[in-house]
Amino acid sequence: MSNYQRDTLLLFVGIGVLLVVASIIGLLLKRRFKSPNSVIDNLNTRINAWWIMVAIIGIAFLLGKLAVIFLFFVASGIALREFLSLTPVNRYDFYALIFAYFIALPLQFILVAMSWYGLFSIFIPVYGFLLLAILAAITGSTDNFLERTAEVQWGLMITVYSISCVPALLTLPIDHYQDRNLLLIAFLVLVVELSDVLQYVFGKLFGKHKISPNLSPSKTVEGFLCGIFSASFVGACLFWITPFSFLQAGLISLMLTLLGFLGGLVMSAIKRDRGIKDWGNLIGGHGGVLDRLDSICFSAPVFFHVVRFFWV
């Protein structure tokens, strides 16, 4: 067994143990409070959903690089649909939507699979940005032109470009880290998602002061502080699966958790603007795919470029 296989096995065994403990706690709480309890029921639904999500990610890791890229391609497509389904469109948006779904989305992930950094890093932010405006203009419609164009541009940037930066970590040729880049993806996803989970748990246990009641009423100062620092500490302890030292892993984890939190606020602001609570209902207890990836959408691009600039 190679070092990569051993570390990956240890990581997923650790995650499995955590889920087993969480499932037992959820079961005990449900038996302790026999009457219907929305908080406990929601917690158990979230835990069950995490079992499924971890299993899917684990299978993708087992199958290798192309499977992981395909997994995030599918997630990105679903997230793009969730985002654009909440924006008002008309027949004049036909060309822009065709470009977004059938050209920009698949081409971005093909470029990632080809490890073509020079193009996948600017395809959507530059060429996609300009082309979407052109496609909207050639229809001849000026009704809500800026708003319609910006919504599709935002959708591509958030749900396609940002999410593609997760499998793009596989393209980085890091010294003395060959064939281990999948663990970088595990590190990113685990730290960001663990921060979200811990902020939720600590907020329910100790939260008293709302941190942003207009954007996200469930987030509290206590949950934010406890979740951010505990997830950052866990991230520091995971330095052994990364090319970072303990201190570097801790500081990068702190950066990821802060970006994830701020990204969640931004996405909450968009949802409140649209008058909805969740992006969808595909994942039980979590909402839509974009509800689960909103924090990663803001942390992944920065993480990718930090690693590329300082470790490649």
Protein backbone atom coordinates (compact mmCIF):
# COMPACT_ATOMS: atom_id res chain seq x y z
CA MET A 1 0.00 0.00 0.00
CA SER A 2 1.40 3.40 -1.02
CA ASN A 3 1.62 6.36 1.35
CA TYR A 4 -1.21 8.08 -0.57
CA GLN A 5 -3.50 5.05 -0.26
CA ARG A 6 -2.68 4.69 3.44
CA ASP A 7 -3.34 8.38 4.17
CA THR A 8 -6.56 8.37 2.15
CA LEU A 9 -7.77 5.27 3.99
CA LEU A 10 -6.93 6.80 7.38
CA LEU A 11 -8.72 10.02 6.44
CA PHE A 12 -11.92 8.32 5.35
CA VAL A 13 -11.86 5.97 8.33
CA GLY A 14 -11.61 9.04 10.57
CA ILE A 15 -14.53 10.67 8.78
CA GLY A 16 -16.49 7.45 9.09
CA VAL A 17 -15.86 7.31 12.83
CA LEU A 18 -17.07 10.90 13.20
CA LEU A 19 -20.24 10.09 11.27
CA VAL A 20 -20.85 7.00 13.39
CA VAL A 21 -20.49 9.08 16.57
CA ALA A 22 -22.78 11.76 15.13
CA SER A 23 -25.37 9.15 14.14
CA ILE A 24 -25.33 7.63 17.64
CA ILE A 25 -25.72 11.05 19.25
CA GLY A 26 -28.59 11.84 16.88
CA LEU A 27 -30.31 8.54 17.71
CA LEU A 28 -29.91 9.07 21.47
CA LEU A 29 -31.29 12.61 21.21
CA LYS A 30 -34.27 11.35 19.24
CA ARG A 31 -35.01 8.72 21.90
CA ARG A 32 -34.48 11.21 24.70
CA PHE A 33 -36.97 13.67 23.21
CA LYS A 34 -39.67 11.35 21.94
CA SER A 35 -42.05 14.11 20.94
CA PRO A 36 -41.40 15.63 17.48
CA ASN A 37 -38.46 18.02 17.67
CA SER A 38 -37.67 19.96 14.51
CA VAL A 39 -34.06 20.70 15.52
CA ILE A 40 -33.20 17.06 16.28
CA ASP A 41 -35.06 15.79 13.22
CA ASN A 42 -33.19 18.28 11.04
CA LEU A 43 -29.88 17.23 12.63
CA ASN A 44 -30.53 13.54 11.88
CA THR A 45 -31.56 14.35 8.32
CA ARG A 46 -28.33 16.29 7.84
CA ILE A 47 -26.25 13.41 9.25
CA ASN A 48 -27.94 10.89 6.93
CA ALA A 49 -27.27 13.19 3.98
CA TRP A 50 -23.60 13.43 4.98
CA TRP A 51 -23.32 9.64 4.88
CA ILE A 52 -24.48 9.69 1.27
CA MET A 53 -22.26 12.62 0.27
CA VAL A 54 -19.16 11.09 1.86
CA ALA A 55 -19.89 7.77 0.14
CA ILE A 56 -20.18 9.49 -3.26
CA ILE A 57 -16.94 11.42 -2.74
CA GLY A 58 -15.20 8.26 -1.52
CA ILE A 59 -16.24 6.33 -4.64
CA ALA A 60 -15.00 9.18 -6.85
CA PHE A 61 -11.65 9.18 -5.02
CA LEU A 62 -11.41 5.43 -5.50
CA LEU A 63 -12.01 5.73 -9.25
CA GLY A 64 -9.41 8.48 -9.67
CA LYS A 65 -8.83 11.88 -11.23
CA LEU A 66 -11.37 11.80 -14.08
CA ALA A 67 -14.13 10.56 -11.76
CA VAL A 68 -13.49 13.43 -9.34
CA ILE A 69 -13.56 15.96 -12.18
CA PHE A 70 -16.81 14.43 -13.46
CA LEU A 71 -18.32 14.54 -9.96
CA PHE A 72 -17.68 18.26 -9.65
CA PHE A 73 -18.85 18.81 -13.22
CA VAL A 74 -22.21 17.26 -12.32
CA ALA A 75 -22.39 19.24 -9.05
CA SER A 76 -21.52 22.42 -10.94
CA GLY A 77 -24.25 21.80 -13.52
CA ILE A 78 -26.88 21.22 -10.84
CA ALA A 79 -25.72 24.33 -8.95
CA LEU A 80 -25.87 26.42 -12.14
CA ARG A 81 -29.42 25.24 -12.76
CA GLU A 82 -30.41 26.08 -9.17
CA PHE A 83 -28.90 29.56 -9.50
CA LEU A 84 -30.39 30.43 -12.89
CA SER A 85 -33.79 28.90 -12.15
CA LEU A 86 -34.34 31.71 -9.65
CA THR A 87 -33.56 34.48 -12.12
CA PRO A 88 -36.24 35.93 -14.41
CA VAL A 89 -35.51 34.93 -18.01
CA ASN A 90 -37.26 35.52 -21.31
CA ARG A 91 -36.85 34.41 -24.91
CA TYR A 92 -34.07 36.95 -25.40
CA ASP A 93 -31.86 35.03 -22.97
CA PHE A 94 -31.88 31.91 -25.16
CA TYR A 95 -28.38 32.35 -26.60
CA ALA A 96 -26.82 33.25 -23.26
CA LEU A 97 -28.34 30.21 -21.56
CA ILE A 98 -27.28 27.88 -24.39
CA PHE A 99 -23.73 29.19 -24.04
CA ALA A 100 -23.79 28.81 -20.24
CA TYR A 101 -25.12 25.25 -20.11
CA PHE A 102 -23.77 23.63 -23.26
CA ILE A 103 -20.51 25.45 -23.95
CA ALA A 104 -19.07 27.20 -20.89
CA LEU A 105 -19.93 24.49 -18.34
CA PRO A 106 -18.51 21.43 -20.17
CA LEU A 107 -15.60 23.32 -21.73
CA GLN A 108 -14.43 24.65 -18.37
CA PHE A 109 -14.13 21.13 -16.95
CA ILE A 110 -12.57 19.78 -20.14
CA LEU A 111 -9.87 22.45 -19.79
CA VAL A 112 -9.35 21.37 -16.18
CA ALA A 113 -9.03 17.72 -17.27
CA MET A 114 -6.45 18.87 -19.84
CA SER A 115 -4.56 20.78 -17.11
CA TRP A 116 -4.66 23.87 -19.36
CA TYR A 117 -4.22 26.46 -16.63
CA GLY A 118 -3.59 29.34 -19.02
CA LEU A 119 -7.08 28.99 -20.49
CA PHE A 120 -9.30 27.56 -17.75
CA SER A 121 -8.18 30.35 -15.41
CA ILE A 122 -9.45 33.10 -17.75
CA PHE A 123 -12.03 31.41 -20.00
CA ILE A 124 -15.09 32.34 -17.93
CA PRO A 125 -13.84 35.49 -16.13
CA VAL A 126 -12.68 37.10 -19.39
CA TYR A 127 -14.03 35.47 -22.55
CA GLY A 128 -17.26 34.21 -20.99
CA PHE A 129 -17.90 37.57 -19.35
CA LEU A 130 -17.56 39.44 -22.65
CA LEU A 131 -19.36 36.88 -24.79
CA LEU A 132 -22.43 36.75 -22.56
CA ALA A 133 -22.89 40.49 -22.95
CA ILE A 134 -22.54 40.15 -26.74
CA LEU A 135 -25.06 37.31 -26.88
CA ALA A 136 -27.53 39.37 -24.87
CA ALA A 137 -27.01 42.42 -27.08
CA ILE A 138 -27.46 40.72 -30.47
CA THR A 139 -31.03 39.79 -29.56
CA GLY A 140 -31.89 43.48 -29.75
CA SER A 141 -33.71 43.51 -26.40
CA THR A 142 -32.84 46.23 -23.88
CA ASP A 143 -35.35 45.19 -21.20
CA ASN A 144 -33.42 44.75 -17.91
CA PHE A 145 -30.33 44.24 -20.06
CA LEU A 146 -27.74 44.81 -17.35
CA GLU A 147 -29.59 42.73 -14.75
CA ARG A 148 -30.22 39.80 -17.12
CA THR A 149 -26.63 39.74 -18.33
CA ALA A 150 -25.12 40.10 -14.85
CA GLU A 151 -27.21 37.25 -13.45
CA VAL A 152 -25.91 34.75 -16.01
CA GLN A 153 -22.37 36.07 -15.54
CA TRP A 154 -22.69 35.65 -11.79
CA GLY A 155 -24.11 32.17 -12.24
CA LEU A 156 -21.15 31.07 -14.35
CA MET A 157 -18.57 32.63 -12.05
CA ILE A 158 -20.01 31.23 -8.83
CA THR A 159 -21.23 27.81 -9.88
CA VAL A 160 -18.89 26.89 -12.73
CA TYR A 161 -15.59 28.78 -12.46
CA SER A 162 -15.39 28.67 -8.65
CA ILE A 163 -16.43 25.03 -8.34
CA SER A 164 -14.03 24.00 -11.13
CA CYS A 165 -11.18 25.29 -8.97
CA VAL A 166 -11.71 22.28 -6.69
CA PRO A 167 -10.73 19.57 -9.23
CA ALA A 168 -8.23 22.06 -10.69
CA LEU A 169 -6.11 21.28 -7.62
CA LEU A 170 -5.32 17.99 -9.37
CA THR A 171 -3.37 19.90 -12.04
CA LEU A 172 -0.82 21.41 -9.65
CA PRO A 173 2.68 19.87 -9.89
CA ILE A 174 3.75 20.29 -6.26
CA ASP A 175 7.27 19.19 -5.36
CA HIS A 176 7.45 16.00 -3.26
CA TYR A 177 3.65 15.71 -3.44
CA GLN A 178 3.22 13.75 -6.66
CA ASP A 179 0.05 11.65 -7.01
CA ARG A 180 -1.35 13.01 -3.73
CA ASN A 181 -3.33 16.01 -4.99
CA LEU A 182 -6.65 14.30 -4.30
CA LEU A 183 -5.83 14.78 -0.63
CA LEU A 184 -5.70 18.55 -1.21
CA ILE A 185 -9.31 18.37 -2.39
CA ALA A 186 -10.20 16.35 0.71
CA PHE A 187 -8.46 18.95 2.90
CA LEU A 188 -10.31 21.87 1.28
CA VAL A 189 -13.74 20.24 1.38
CA LEU A 190 -13.32 18.83 4.88
CA VAL A 191 -12.13 22.08 6.49
CA VAL A 192 -14.77 24.27 4.84
CA GLU A 193 -17.67 21.88 5.41
CA LEU A 194 -16.56 21.07 8.96
CA SER A 195 -16.51 24.79 9.70
CA ASP A 196 -20.11 25.08 8.47
CA VAL A 197 -21.19 22.09 10.58
CA LEU A 198 -19.42 23.30 13.72
CA GLN A 199 -20.78 26.82 13.34
CA TYR A 200 -24.27 25.29 13.12
CA VAL A 201 -23.74 23.01 16.14
CA PHE A 202 -22.08 25.63 18.38
CA GLY A 203 -24.66 28.17 17.32
CA LYS A 204 -27.47 25.86 18.42
CA LEU A 205 -25.70 25.07 21.71
CA PHE A 206 -24.35 28.45 22.75
CA GLY A 207 -25.53 31.03 20.23
CA LYS A 208 -27.13 34.15 21.69
CA HIS A 209 -25.99 37.06 19.54
CA LYS A 210 -27.04 37.19 15.89
CA ILE A 211 -24.12 38.02 13.63
CA SER A 212 -26.18 39.12 10.62
CA PRO A 213 -29.90 38.76 11.29
CA ASN A 214 -30.97 40.26 7.97
CA LEU A 215 -28.86 37.90 5.86
CA SER A 216 -28.65 34.69 7.90
CA PRO A 217 -30.77 34.66 11.08
CA SER A 218 -29.39 31.28 12.19
CA LYS A 219 -25.74 32.41 12.35
CA THR A 220 -24.47 33.69 15.70
CA VAL A 221 -21.28 35.29 16.96
CA GLU A 222 -20.67 32.38 19.33
CA GLY A 223 -21.21 29.79 16.61
CA PHE A 224 -19.00 31.73 14.21
CA LEU A 225 -16.05 32.05 16.60
CA CYS A 226 -16.20 28.50 17.95
CA GLY A 227 -16.76 26.97 14.52
CA ILE A 228 -14.03 28.97 12.77
CA PHE A 229 -11.29 28.31 15.32
CA SER A 230 -12.16 24.66 16.00
CA ALA A 231 -12.26 23.88 12.25
CA SER A 232 -8.97 25.75 11.78
CA PHE A 233 -7.39 23.65 14.53
CA VAL A 234 -8.65 20.46 12.89
CA GLY A 235 -7.23 21.73 9.61
CA ALA A 236 -3.86 22.31 11.25
CA CYS A 237 -3.93 18.74 12.57
CA LEU A 238 -4.53 17.51 9.02
CA PHE A 239 -1.21 18.92 7.83
CA TRP A 240 0.00 15.35 7.24
CA ILE A 241 -2.23 15.01 4.16
CA THR A 242 -1.01 18.30 2.68
CA PRO A 243 2.30 19.83 1.54
CA PHE A 244 1.95 22.35 4.41
CA SER A 245 3.50 22.49 7.85
CA PHE A 246 1.28 22.44 10.96
CA LEU A 247 1.32 26.25 11.21
CA GLN A 248 0.77 26.74 7.48
CA ALA A 249 -2.15 24.31 7.48
CA GLY A 250 -3.69 26.16 10.43
CA LEU A 251 -3.36 29.58 8.80
CA ILE A 252 -4.69 28.31 5.47
CA SER A 253 -7.59 26.64 7.29
CA LEU A 254 -8.38 29.92 9.01
CA MET A 255 -8.38 31.64 5.62
CA LEU A 256 -10.68 28.96 4.17
CA THR A 257 -13.15 29.09 7.03
CA LEU A 258 -13.36 32.90 6.92
CA LEU A 259 -13.85 32.91 3.16
CA GLY A 260 -16.43 30.16 3.48
CA PHE A 261 -18.35 32.11 6.09
CA LEU A 262 -18.29 35.34 4.05
CA GLY A 263 -19.25 33.42 0.92
CA GLY A 264 -22.20 31.96 2.78
CA LEU A 265 -23.32 35.48 3.72
CA VAL A 266 -23.11 36.62 0.09
CA MET A 267 -25.16 33.66 -1.11
CA SER A 268 -27.67 34.23 1.71
CA ALA A 269 -28.03 37.85 0.57
CA ILE A 270 -28.89 36.62 -2.94
CA LYS A 271 -31.44 34.16 -1.55
CA ARG A 272 -33.05 36.83 0.63
CA ASP A 273 -33.20 39.11 -2.40
CA ARG A 274 -35.08 36.37 -4.25
CA GLY A 275 -37.31 35.64 -1.28
CA ILE A 276 -36.24 32.00 -0.78
CA LYS A 277 -34.70 30.03 2.07
CA ASP A 278 -32.80 27.35 0.10
CA TRP A 279 -31.47 27.01 -3.44
CA GLY A 280 -33.24 23.68 -3.83
CA ASN A 281 -34.34 20.54 -2.00
CA LEU A 282 -32.14 17.83 -3.51
CA ILE A 283 -30.14 17.18 -0.32
CA GLY A 284 -32.23 16.35 2.72
CA GLY A 285 -31.69 18.79 5.61
CA HIS A 286 -29.27 20.88 3.56
CA GLY A 287 -31.38 22.27 0.71
CA GLY A 288 -29.91 22.26 -2.76
CA VAL A 289 -26.43 21.44 -4.05
CA LEU A 290 -25.58 25.14 -4.04
CA ASP A 291 -26.58 25.39 -0.36
CA ARG A 292 -23.90 22.81 0.40
CA LEU A 293 -21.29 24.31 -1.92
CA ASP A 294 -21.83 28.02 -1.31
CA SER A 295 -18.91 28.28 1.12
CA ILE A 296 -16.63 26.29 -1.19
CA CYS A 297 -17.52 28.59 -4.10
CA PHE A 298 -15.72 31.45 -2.36
CA SER A 299 -12.88 29.54 -0.73
CA ALA A 300 -11.84 27.20 -3.58
CA PRO A 301 -10.50 29.81 -6.09
CA VAL A 302 -8.40 31.56 -3.44
CA PHE A 303 -7.09 28.25 -2.08
CA PHE A 304 -6.18 27.06 -5.59
CA HIS A 305 -4.20 30.19 -6.39
CA VAL A 306 -2.51 30.40 -2.99
CA VAL A 307 -1.26 26.82 -3.40
CA ARG A 308 -0.22 27.46 -7.00
CA PHE A 309 1.68 30.66 -6.24
CA PHE A 310 3.48 29.45 -3.09
CA TRP A 311 3.88 25.68 -3.44
CA VAL A 312 4.26 25.01 -7.17
